[in-house]
Amino acid sequence: MRAKKNIIIEKAKNIKLLAFDVDGVLTRGEIIFNNGEEMKIWNVKDGVGFVELLRVLPKIKTAWITGRKSVQIEKRAIEMNINYVIQNCMNKKVAFEKILKKNRFEAFEAAYIGDDMVDIPVLKIVGLSLCPVDACNEVKKRVDLVSILKGGEGVAREVIELIIKAKGKWKKILGKYK
């Protein structure tokens, strides 16, 4: 069941850890090979969102937890200054709980964005759970908010803006562009 807007905003105010699945959330979920090398298409708007998040809320930790392993994920995470990148991980809940423990965060202080069944165990324990509109139905049934966007089309940016606005820092971002 999806939470009402005011409940989502209240949950977003508590966020100290923002974690994402990669394929199907930060990318469209397609796997492209070029001469044997895996390629991924990243959304530029998501990238700007990560940059602005770190600029106005530098204490928020970020994590990418993915079932696949790819050099492209590692490279993009470095560009975006992602704090934790966990690849080749099919038990995302265990990986996620290690990040919580390391930072002394509670699950209600975390948001997670996932799109498939492997993400459900994490989505069930976080304070704010979200998914792209093209997530599988089992995920959509379990999240607080279903994005209006498909995976790879700016979902991360949408979530980042939600958190920045909930924490009252949106005007600081807009001020930079006036």
N, C-alpha and C. Protein backbone atom coordinates (compact mmCIF):
# COMPACT_ATOMS: atom_id res chain seq x y z
N MET A 1 0.84 -1.19 0.00
CA MET A 1 0.00 0.00 0.00
C MET A 1 0.88 1.25 0.00
N ARG A 2 0.53 2.20 -0.82
CA ARG A 2 1.33 3.41 -0.91
C ARG A 2 0.95 4.41 0.17
N ALA A 3 1.94 5.04 0.72
CA ALA A 3 1.74 6.03 1.78
C ALA A 3 1.23 7.34 1.18
N LYS A 4 0.54 8.12 1.99
CA LYS A 4 0.07 9.43 1.55
C LYS A 4 1.25 10.39 1.49
N LYS A 5 1.07 11.47 0.71
CA LYS A 5 2.15 12.41 0.45
C LYS A 5 2.77 12.97 1.73
N ASN A 6 1.96 13.36 2.70
CA ASN A 6 2.52 13.95 3.93
C ASN A 6 3.31 12.92 4.74
N ILE A 7 2.91 11.66 4.70
CA ILE A 7 3.65 10.60 5.39
C ILE A 7 4.99 10.38 4.69
N ILE A 8 4.98 10.39 3.36
CA ILE A 8 6.22 10.21 2.60
C ILE A 8 7.20 11.35 2.90
N ILE A 9 6.71 12.57 2.96
CA ILE A 9 7.58 13.71 3.27
C ILE A 9 8.17 13.56 4.66
N GLU A 10 7.37 13.14 5.63
CA GLU A 10 7.89 12.93 6.99
C GLU A 10 8.96 11.84 7.01
N LYS A 11 8.73 10.76 6.28
CA LYS A 11 9.73 9.69 6.20
C LYS A 11 11.02 10.20 5.54
N ALA A 12 10.87 11.02 4.49
CA ALA A 12 12.03 11.55 3.76
C ALA A 12 12.88 12.46 4.64
N LYS A 13 12.28 13.13 5.60
CA LYS A 13 13.03 14.01 6.51
C LYS A 13 14.04 13.23 7.35
N ASN A 14 13.77 11.94 7.61
CA ASN A 14 14.62 11.10 8.45
C ASN A 14 15.80 10.47 7.73
N ILE A 15 15.85 10.59 6.41
CA ILE A 15 16.81 9.80 5.63
C ILE A 15 18.25 10.24 5.86
N LYS A 16 19.08 9.25 6.20
CA LYS A 16 20.53 9.43 6.35
C LYS A 16 21.30 8.54 5.38
N LEU A 17 20.61 7.53 4.84
CA LEU A 17 21.20 6.60 3.88
C LEU A 17 20.23 6.44 2.71
N LEU A 18 20.73 6.67 1.51
CA LEU A 18 19.93 6.54 0.30
C LEU A 18 20.56 5.45 -0.55
N ALA A 19 19.86 4.33 -0.70
CA ALA A 19 20.42 3.16 -1.38
C ALA A 19 19.58 2.79 -2.61
N PHE A 20 20.26 2.30 -3.63
CA PHE A 20 19.63 1.98 -4.91
C PHE A 20 20.06 0.62 -5.41
N ASP A 21 19.16 -0.07 -6.08
CA ASP A 21 19.52 -1.13 -7.00
C ASP A 21 20.06 -0.41 -8.22
N VAL A 22 20.76 -1.10 -9.10
CA VAL A 22 21.31 -0.44 -10.29
C VAL A 22 20.48 -0.77 -11.53
N ASP A 23 20.55 -2.01 -12.00
CA ASP A 23 19.86 -2.38 -13.24
C ASP A 23 18.35 -2.35 -13.04
N GLY A 24 17.68 -1.54 -13.84
CA GLY A 24 16.24 -1.37 -13.73
C GLY A 24 15.83 -0.19 -12.87
N VAL A 25 16.80 0.44 -12.20
CA VAL A 25 16.53 1.64 -11.41
C VAL A 25 17.39 2.79 -11.93
N LEU A 26 18.71 2.64 -11.81
CA LEU A 26 19.62 3.67 -12.33
C LEU A 26 19.84 3.52 -13.83
N THR A 27 19.57 2.33 -14.35
CA THR A 27 19.61 2.08 -15.79
C THR A 27 18.26 1.47 -16.18
N ARG A 28 18.03 1.33 -17.47
CA ARG A 28 16.76 0.76 -17.93
C ARG A 28 16.71 -0.75 -17.72
N GLY A 29 17.81 -1.33 -17.30
CA GLY A 29 17.83 -2.76 -17.06
C GLY A 29 18.27 -3.58 -18.25
N GLU A 30 18.67 -2.92 -19.30
CA GLU A 30 19.17 -3.63 -20.47
C GLU A 30 20.65 -3.93 -20.28
N ILE A 31 21.09 -5.04 -20.83
CA ILE A 31 22.50 -5.39 -20.78
C ILE A 31 23.02 -5.34 -22.22
N ILE A 32 23.96 -4.44 -22.45
CA ILE A 32 24.51 -4.24 -23.78
C ILE A 32 25.98 -4.65 -23.75
N PHE A 33 26.38 -5.47 -24.72
CA PHE A 33 27.77 -5.86 -24.84
C PHE A 33 28.34 -5.29 -26.13
N ASN A 34 29.53 -4.72 -26.03
CA ASN A 34 30.24 -4.18 -27.19
C ASN A 34 31.63 -4.80 -27.18
N ASN A 35 31.89 -5.69 -28.13
CA ASN A 35 33.16 -6.41 -28.19
C ASN A 35 33.48 -7.09 -26.85
N GLY A 36 32.47 -7.66 -26.23
CA GLY A 36 32.66 -8.38 -24.97
C GLY A 36 32.62 -7.53 -23.72
N GLU A 37 32.62 -6.20 -23.87
CA GLU A 37 32.58 -5.31 -22.71
C GLU A 37 31.14 -4.87 -22.45
N GLU A 38 30.72 -5.00 -21.20
CA GLU A 38 29.38 -4.58 -20.84
C GLU A 38 29.29 -3.07 -20.82
N MET A 39 28.21 -2.56 -21.38
CA MET A 39 27.98 -1.11 -21.42
C MET A 39 26.66 -0.81 -20.71
N LYS A 40 26.59 0.35 -20.08
CA LYS A 40 25.37 0.78 -19.43
C LYS A 40 25.07 2.20 -19.86
N ILE A 41 23.79 2.54 -19.89
CA ILE A 41 23.37 3.90 -20.21
C ILE A 41 22.87 4.53 -18.91
N TRP A 42 23.49 5.63 -18.54
CA TRP A 42 23.16 6.34 -17.30
C TRP A 42 22.39 7.61 -17.63
N ASN A 43 21.46 7.99 -16.79
CA ASN A 43 20.68 9.20 -17.00
C ASN A 43 21.42 10.40 -16.41
N VAL A 44 21.64 11.41 -17.22
CA VAL A 44 22.38 12.60 -16.79
C VAL A 44 21.65 13.32 -15.66
N LYS A 45 20.33 13.33 -15.69
CA LYS A 45 19.57 14.00 -14.63
C LYS A 45 19.82 13.33 -13.28
N ASP A 46 19.93 12.02 -13.28
CA ASP A 46 20.27 11.32 -12.04
C ASP A 46 21.64 11.78 -11.55
N GLY A 47 22.59 11.91 -12.48
CA GLY A 47 23.94 12.35 -12.11
C GLY A 47 23.94 13.73 -11.47
N VAL A 48 23.19 14.65 -12.04
CA VAL A 48 23.08 15.99 -11.45
C VAL A 48 22.45 15.88 -10.06
N GLY A 49 21.46 15.01 -9.93
CA GLY A 49 20.82 14.81 -8.63
C GLY A 49 21.82 14.36 -7.57
N PHE A 50 22.67 13.40 -7.90
CA PHE A 50 23.68 12.93 -6.94
C PHE A 50 24.66 14.05 -6.57
N VAL A 51 25.07 14.83 -7.55
CA VAL A 51 25.99 15.94 -7.29
C VAL A 51 25.35 16.95 -6.34
N GLU A 52 24.12 17.31 -6.60
CA GLU A 52 23.43 18.30 -5.76
C GLU A 52 23.14 17.74 -4.36
N LEU A 53 22.79 16.47 -4.28
CA LEU A 53 22.56 15.84 -2.97
C LEU A 53 23.80 15.98 -2.10
N LEU A 54 24.94 15.65 -2.64
CA LEU A 54 26.18 15.72 -1.87
C LEU A 54 26.58 17.15 -1.55
N ARG A 55 26.19 18.07 -2.42
CA ARG A 55 26.52 19.48 -2.17
C ARG A 55 25.71 20.04 -1.01
N VAL A 56 24.40 19.76 -0.97
CA VAL A 56 23.56 20.39 0.05
C VAL A 56 23.33 19.50 1.28
N LEU A 57 23.52 18.20 1.13
CA LEU A 57 23.35 17.27 2.25
C LEU A 57 24.53 16.29 2.30
N PRO A 58 25.72 16.81 2.57
CA PRO A 58 26.93 15.97 2.48
C PRO A 58 26.98 14.83 3.51
N LYS A 59 26.17 14.89 4.55
CA LYS A 59 26.20 13.83 5.55
C LYS A 59 25.38 12.61 5.15
N ILE A 60 24.54 12.74 4.13
CA ILE A 60 23.77 11.59 3.65
C ILE A 60 24.73 10.62 2.97
N LYS A 61 24.63 9.36 3.36
CA LYS A 61 25.42 8.30 2.73
C LYS A 61 24.63 7.72 1.56
N THR A 62 25.35 7.29 0.53
CA THR A 62 24.71 6.69 -0.64
C THR A 62 25.28 5.29 -0.87
N ALA A 63 24.43 4.42 -1.40
CA ALA A 63 24.85 3.04 -1.67
C ALA A 63 24.18 2.53 -2.94
N TRP A 64 24.94 1.76 -3.69
CA TRP A 64 24.41 1.01 -4.82
C TRP A 64 24.63 -0.46 -4.51
N ILE A 65 23.54 -1.22 -4.52
CA ILE A 65 23.61 -2.66 -4.23
C ILE A 65 23.00 -3.38 -5.43
N THR A 66 23.81 -4.18 -6.11
CA THR A 66 23.37 -4.79 -7.35
C THR A 66 23.71 -6.28 -7.42
N GLY A 67 22.86 -7.00 -8.10
CA GLY A 67 23.09 -8.44 -8.27
C GLY A 67 24.12 -8.76 -9.34
N ARG A 68 24.41 -7.81 -10.20
CA ARG A 68 25.39 -8.02 -11.26
C ARG A 68 26.72 -7.40 -10.87
N LYS A 69 27.75 -7.75 -11.62
CA LYS A 69 29.06 -7.15 -11.42
C LYS A 69 29.48 -6.54 -12.75
N SER A 70 29.91 -5.28 -12.69
CA SER A 70 30.27 -4.58 -13.92
C SER A 70 31.29 -3.49 -13.61
N VAL A 71 32.30 -3.41 -14.46
CA VAL A 71 33.30 -2.34 -14.34
C VAL A 71 32.62 -0.98 -14.51
N GLN A 72 31.59 -0.93 -15.35
CA GLN A 72 30.89 0.33 -15.61
C GLN A 72 30.22 0.87 -14.34
N ILE A 73 29.71 -0.02 -13.52
CA ILE A 73 29.09 0.40 -12.27
C ILE A 73 30.14 1.04 -11.36
N GLU A 74 31.26 0.39 -11.26
CA GLU A 74 32.35 0.91 -10.41
C GLU A 74 32.80 2.29 -10.89
N LYS A 75 32.98 2.45 -12.19
CA LYS A 75 33.43 3.73 -12.74
C LYS A 75 32.40 4.83 -12.48
N ARG A 76 31.14 4.54 -12.73
CA ARG A 76 30.10 5.55 -12.53
C ARG A 76 29.96 5.91 -11.04
N ALA A 77 30.07 4.93 -10.19
CA ALA A 77 29.97 5.19 -8.74
C ALA A 77 31.09 6.10 -8.26
N ILE A 78 32.28 5.92 -8.80
CA ILE A 78 33.40 6.80 -8.45
C ILE A 78 33.10 8.22 -8.92
N GLU A 79 32.61 8.37 -10.15
CA GLU A 79 32.24 9.69 -10.67
C GLU A 79 31.20 10.38 -9.79
N MET A 80 30.26 9.61 -9.25
CA MET A 80 29.15 10.16 -8.47
C MET A 80 29.45 10.21 -6.97
N ASN A 81 30.66 9.81 -6.58
CA ASN A 81 31.05 9.81 -5.16
C ASN A 81 30.11 8.98 -4.29
N ILE A 82 29.73 7.81 -4.78
CA ILE A 82 28.85 6.92 -4.03
C ILE A 82 29.68 6.28 -2.91
N ASN A 83 29.14 6.28 -1.70
CA ASN A 83 29.90 5.79 -0.55
C ASN A 83 30.09 4.28 -0.54
N TYR A 84 29.08 3.53 -0.94
CA TYR A 84 29.15 2.06 -0.89
C TYR A 84 28.66 1.49 -2.22
N VAL A 85 29.48 0.63 -2.81
CA VAL A 85 29.10 -0.07 -4.03
C VAL A 85 29.28 -1.56 -3.76
N ILE A 86 28.18 -2.27 -3.76
CA ILE A 86 28.22 -3.71 -3.50
C ILE A 86 27.65 -4.40 -4.74
N GLN A 87 28.51 -5.17 -5.39
CA GLN A 87 28.14 -5.85 -6.63
C GLN A 87 28.10 -7.36 -6.41
N ASN A 88 27.47 -8.03 -7.39
CA ASN A 88 27.39 -9.49 -7.37
C ASN A 88 26.71 -9.96 -6.07
N CYS A 89 25.68 -9.27 -5.68
CA CYS A 89 25.04 -9.49 -4.38
C CYS A 89 23.58 -9.91 -4.57
N MET A 90 23.29 -11.12 -4.20
CA MET A 90 21.91 -11.59 -4.30
C MET A 90 21.19 -11.54 -2.96
N ASN A 91 21.92 -11.35 -1.87
CA ASN A 91 21.28 -11.16 -0.57
C ASN A 91 21.48 -9.70 -0.17
N LYS A 92 20.67 -8.86 -0.76
CA LYS A 92 20.83 -7.42 -0.58
C LYS A 92 20.52 -6.98 0.85
N LYS A 93 19.65 -7.69 1.53
CA LYS A 93 19.31 -7.32 2.90
C LYS A 93 20.53 -7.41 3.81
N VAL A 94 21.31 -8.46 3.67
CA VAL A 94 22.52 -8.62 4.49
C VAL A 94 23.51 -7.50 4.20
N ALA A 95 23.73 -7.21 2.92
CA ALA A 95 24.64 -6.12 2.54
C ALA A 95 24.14 -4.79 3.08
N PHE A 96 22.86 -4.55 2.94
CA PHE A 96 22.25 -3.31 3.41
C PHE A 96 22.39 -3.16 4.93
N GLU A 97 22.14 -4.23 5.65
CA GLU A 97 22.25 -4.18 7.11
C GLU A 97 23.68 -3.93 7.57
N LYS A 98 24.67 -4.42 6.82
CA LYS A 98 26.06 -4.13 7.15
C LYS A 98 26.35 -2.64 7.02
N ILE A 99 25.80 -2.01 6.00
CA ILE A 99 25.99 -0.57 5.81
C ILE A 99 25.33 0.18 6.97
N LEU A 100 24.12 -0.22 7.32
CA LEU A 100 23.44 0.42 8.46
C LEU A 100 24.29 0.32 9.72
N LYS A 101 24.77 -0.89 10.01
CA LYS A 101 25.54 -1.13 11.22
C LYS A 101 26.83 -0.31 11.23
N LYS A 102 27.52 -0.29 10.11
CA LYS A 102 28.79 0.45 10.03
C LYS A 102 28.59 1.93 10.34
N ASN A 103 27.45 2.48 9.94
CA ASN A 103 27.17 3.90 10.13
C ASN A 103 26.32 4.19 11.37
N ARG A 104 25.96 3.15 12.09
CA ARG A 104 25.10 3.28 13.28
C ARG A 104 23.76 3.94 12.93
N PHE A 105 23.20 3.55 11.78
CA PHE A 105 21.89 4.03 11.36
C PHE A 105 20.85 2.98 11.68
N GLU A 106 19.64 3.43 11.86
CA GLU A 106 18.48 2.54 11.99
C GLU A 106 17.83 2.41 10.61
N ALA A 107 17.11 1.32 10.39
CA ALA A 107 16.49 1.09 9.09
C ALA A 107 15.51 2.21 8.71
N PHE A 108 14.83 2.81 9.70
CA PHE A 108 13.87 3.87 9.38
C PHE A 108 14.57 5.14 8.86
N GLU A 109 15.90 5.21 9.03
CA GLU A 109 16.68 6.35 8.54
C GLU A 109 17.21 6.13 7.13
N ALA A 110 16.72 5.09 6.47
CA ALA A 110 17.20 4.75 5.14
C ALA A 110 16.06 4.69 4.13
N ALA A 111 16.39 5.01 2.90
CA ALA A 111 15.48 4.84 1.77
C ALA A 111 16.13 3.86 0.80
N TYR A 112 15.30 3.07 0.15
CA TYR A 112 15.80 2.13 -0.84
C TYR A 112 14.90 2.17 -2.06
N ILE A 113 15.53 2.13 -3.24
CA ILE A 113 14.80 2.13 -4.49
C ILE A 113 15.18 0.86 -5.23
N GLY A 114 14.19 0.00 -5.45
CA GLY A 114 14.41 -1.26 -6.14
C GLY A 114 13.31 -1.53 -7.14
N ASP A 115 13.52 -2.52 -7.99
CA ASP A 115 12.54 -2.79 -9.04
C ASP A 115 12.14 -4.25 -9.20
N ASP A 116 12.83 -5.17 -8.52
CA ASP A 116 12.53 -6.57 -8.75
C ASP A 116 12.49 -7.34 -7.43
N MET A 117 12.11 -8.60 -7.51
CA MET A 117 11.86 -9.40 -6.30
C MET A 117 13.06 -9.49 -5.37
N VAL A 118 14.28 -9.49 -5.91
CA VAL A 118 15.48 -9.57 -5.08
C VAL A 118 15.60 -8.34 -4.16
N ASP A 119 14.91 -7.26 -4.49
CA ASP A 119 14.94 -6.03 -3.69
C ASP A 119 13.91 -6.03 -2.55
N ILE A 120 12.94 -6.90 -2.60
CA ILE A 120 11.84 -6.89 -1.62
C ILE A 120 12.32 -6.98 -0.17
N PRO A 121 13.25 -7.86 0.18
CA PRO A 121 13.67 -7.91 1.60
C PRO A 121 14.18 -6.58 2.14
N VAL A 122 14.85 -5.79 1.30
CA VAL A 122 15.31 -4.47 1.74
C VAL A 122 14.15 -3.49 1.78
N LEU A 123 13.32 -3.51 0.76
CA LEU A 123 12.18 -2.60 0.69
C LEU A 123 11.26 -2.75 1.90
N LYS A 124 11.18 -3.95 2.44
CA LYS A 124 10.30 -4.22 3.58
C LYS A 124 10.80 -3.63 4.89
N ILE A 125 12.10 -3.35 5.00
CA ILE A 125 12.64 -2.91 6.30
C ILE A 125 12.99 -1.44 6.37
N VAL A 126 13.08 -0.76 5.23
CA VAL A 126 13.53 0.64 5.24
C VAL A 126 12.42 1.59 5.66
N GLY A 127 12.84 2.80 6.03
CA GLY A 127 11.88 3.83 6.40
C GLY A 127 11.10 4.36 5.22
N LEU A 128 11.74 4.42 4.05
CA LEU A 128 11.10 4.93 2.84
C LEU A 128 11.45 4.02 1.68
N SER A 129 10.44 3.40 1.10
CA SER A 129 10.65 2.46 0.00
C SER A 129 10.01 2.99 -1.27
N LEU A 130 10.75 2.85 -2.37
CA LEU A 130 10.29 3.39 -3.65
C LEU A 130 10.66 2.45 -4.78
N CYS A 131 9.99 2.64 -5.92
CA CYS A 131 10.33 1.86 -7.12
C CYS A 131 9.95 2.63 -8.37
N PRO A 132 10.55 2.28 -9.51
CA PRO A 132 10.15 2.88 -10.78
C PRO A 132 8.77 2.35 -11.18
N VAL A 133 8.10 3.06 -12.06
CA VAL A 133 6.78 2.66 -12.50
C VAL A 133 6.80 1.32 -13.24
N ASP A 134 7.94 0.95 -13.83
CA ASP A 134 8.02 -0.32 -14.55
C ASP A 134 8.60 -1.45 -13.69
N ALA A 135 8.59 -1.27 -12.38
CA ALA A 135 9.01 -2.36 -11.48
C ALA A 135 8.00 -3.50 -11.57
N CYS A 136 8.41 -4.67 -11.12
CA CYS A 136 7.48 -5.80 -11.13
C CYS A 136 6.35 -5.54 -10.13
N ASN A 137 5.21 -6.14 -10.39
CA ASN A 137 4.02 -5.89 -9.56
C ASN A 137 4.23 -6.24 -8.10
N GLU A 138 5.00 -7.27 -7.81
CA GLU A 138 5.25 -7.65 -6.42
C GLU A 138 5.97 -6.55 -5.65
N VAL A 139 6.83 -5.82 -6.33
CA VAL A 139 7.52 -4.69 -5.71
C VAL A 139 6.56 -3.52 -5.54
N LYS A 140 5.81 -3.20 -6.58
CA LYS A 140 4.87 -2.08 -6.52
C LYS A 140 3.91 -2.20 -5.34
N LYS A 141 3.52 -3.41 -5.01
CA LYS A 141 2.57 -3.65 -3.91
C LYS A 141 3.18 -3.34 -2.55
N ARG A 142 4.51 -3.30 -2.46
CA ARG A 142 5.19 -3.23 -1.16
C ARG A 142 5.87 -1.89 -0.87
N VAL A 143 5.81 -0.94 -1.77
CA VAL A 143 6.55 0.30 -1.57
C VAL A 143 5.65 1.45 -1.13
N ASP A 144 6.29 2.45 -0.53
CA ASP A 144 5.58 3.66 -0.14
C ASP A 144 5.20 4.51 -1.33
N LEU A 145 6.07 4.50 -2.35
CA LEU A 145 5.85 5.38 -3.50
C LEU A 145 6.32 4.70 -4.78
N VAL A 146 5.46 4.70 -5.78
CA VAL A 146 5.82 4.26 -7.12
C VAL A 146 6.10 5.52 -7.94
N SER A 147 7.30 5.62 -8.47
CA SER A 147 7.69 6.78 -9.28
C SER A 147 6.79 6.89 -10.51
N ILE A 148 6.72 8.08 -11.05
CA ILE A 148 6.03 8.27 -12.33
C ILE A 148 6.94 7.90 -13.49
N LEU A 149 8.22 7.65 -13.18
CA LEU A 149 9.23 7.40 -14.20
C LEU A 149 9.64 5.92 -14.25
N LYS A 150 10.10 5.50 -15.42
CA LYS A 150 10.65 4.16 -15.59
C LYS A 150 12.10 4.15 -15.11
N GLY A 151 12.60 2.96 -14.81
CA GLY A 151 14.00 2.81 -14.46
C GLY A 151 14.90 3.36 -15.55
N GLY A 152 15.96 4.07 -15.12
CA GLY A 152 16.91 4.64 -16.08
C GLY A 152 16.45 5.95 -16.70
N GLU A 153 15.28 6.43 -16.29
CA GLU A 153 14.74 7.65 -16.89
C GLU A 153 14.61 8.80 -15.88
N GLY A 154 15.41 8.74 -14.81
CA GLY A 154 15.41 9.84 -13.85
C GLY A 154 14.79 9.52 -12.50
N VAL A 155 14.60 8.25 -12.21
CA VAL A 155 14.01 7.85 -10.92
C VAL A 155 14.87 8.33 -9.75
N ALA A 156 16.18 8.18 -9.87
CA ALA A 156 17.06 8.61 -8.78
C ALA A 156 16.90 10.10 -8.54
N ARG A 157 16.85 10.88 -9.59
CA ARG A 157 16.69 12.33 -9.48
C ARG A 157 15.39 12.66 -8.76
N GLU A 158 14.31 11.97 -9.12
CA GLU A 158 13.02 12.21 -8.49
C GLU A 158 13.09 11.96 -6.98
N VAL A 159 13.71 10.87 -6.59
CA VAL A 159 13.83 10.52 -5.18
C VAL A 159 14.75 11.50 -4.45
N ILE A 160 15.85 11.84 -5.08
CA ILE A 160 16.80 12.80 -4.48
C ILE A 160 16.11 14.14 -4.25
N GLU A 161 15.36 14.61 -5.24
CA GLU A 161 14.64 15.88 -5.07
C GLU A 161 13.63 15.78 -3.93
N LEU A 162 12.93 14.68 -3.83
CA LEU A 162 11.97 14.48 -2.75
C LEU A 162 12.65 14.64 -1.39
N ILE A 163 13.80 14.02 -1.22
CA ILE A 163 14.52 14.08 0.05
C ILE A 163 15.07 15.48 0.30
N ILE A 164 15.65 16.10 -0.71
CA ILE A 164 16.18 17.45 -0.54
C ILE A 164 15.06 18.42 -0.17
N LYS A 165 13.93 18.33 -0.82
CA LYS A 165 12.79 19.20 -0.51
C LYS A 165 12.27 18.94 0.89
N ALA A 166 12.15 17.68 1.27
CA ALA A 166 11.65 17.33 2.61
C ALA A 166 12.56 17.89 3.70
N LYS A 167 13.86 17.94 3.42
CA LYS A 167 14.82 18.44 4.40
C LYS A 167 15.02 19.96 4.30
N GLY A 168 14.22 20.63 3.45
CA GLY A 168 14.24 22.08 3.37
C GLY A 168 15.44 22.69 2.69
N LYS A 169 16.09 21.96 1.79
CA LYS A 169 17.31 22.45 1.14
C LYS A 169 17.12 22.77 -0.35
N TRP A 170 15.90 22.68 -0.84
CA TRP A 170 15.68 22.88 -2.27
C TRP A 170 16.00 24.30 -2.70
N LYS A 171 15.64 25.29 -1.90
CA LYS A 171 15.91 26.69 -2.27
C LYS A 171 17.41 26.94 -2.38
N LYS A 172 18.21 26.24 -1.59
CA LYS A 172 19.67 26.39 -1.68
C LYS A 172 20.16 25.94 -3.06
N ILE A 173 19.58 24.86 -3.57
CA ILE A 173 19.96 24.39 -4.90
C ILE A 173 19.51 25.38 -5.96
N LEU A 174 18.29 25.83 -5.88
CA LEU A 174 17.78 26.77 -6.88
C LEU A 174 18.56 28.07 -6.88
N GLY A 175 19.00 28.50 -5.69
CA GLY A 175 19.77 29.73 -5.59
C GLY A 175 21.06 29.71 -6.40
N LYS A 176 21.63 28.54 -6.54
CA LYS A 176 22.86 28.38 -7.31
C LYS A 176 22.64 28.68 -8.80
N TYR A 177 21.42 28.49 -9.27
CA TYR A 177 21.14 28.62 -10.69
C TYR A 177 20.42 29.91 -11.07
N LYS A 178 20.30 30.84 -10.14
CA LYS A 178 19.62 32.10 -10.45
C LYS A 178 20.55 33.08 -11.11
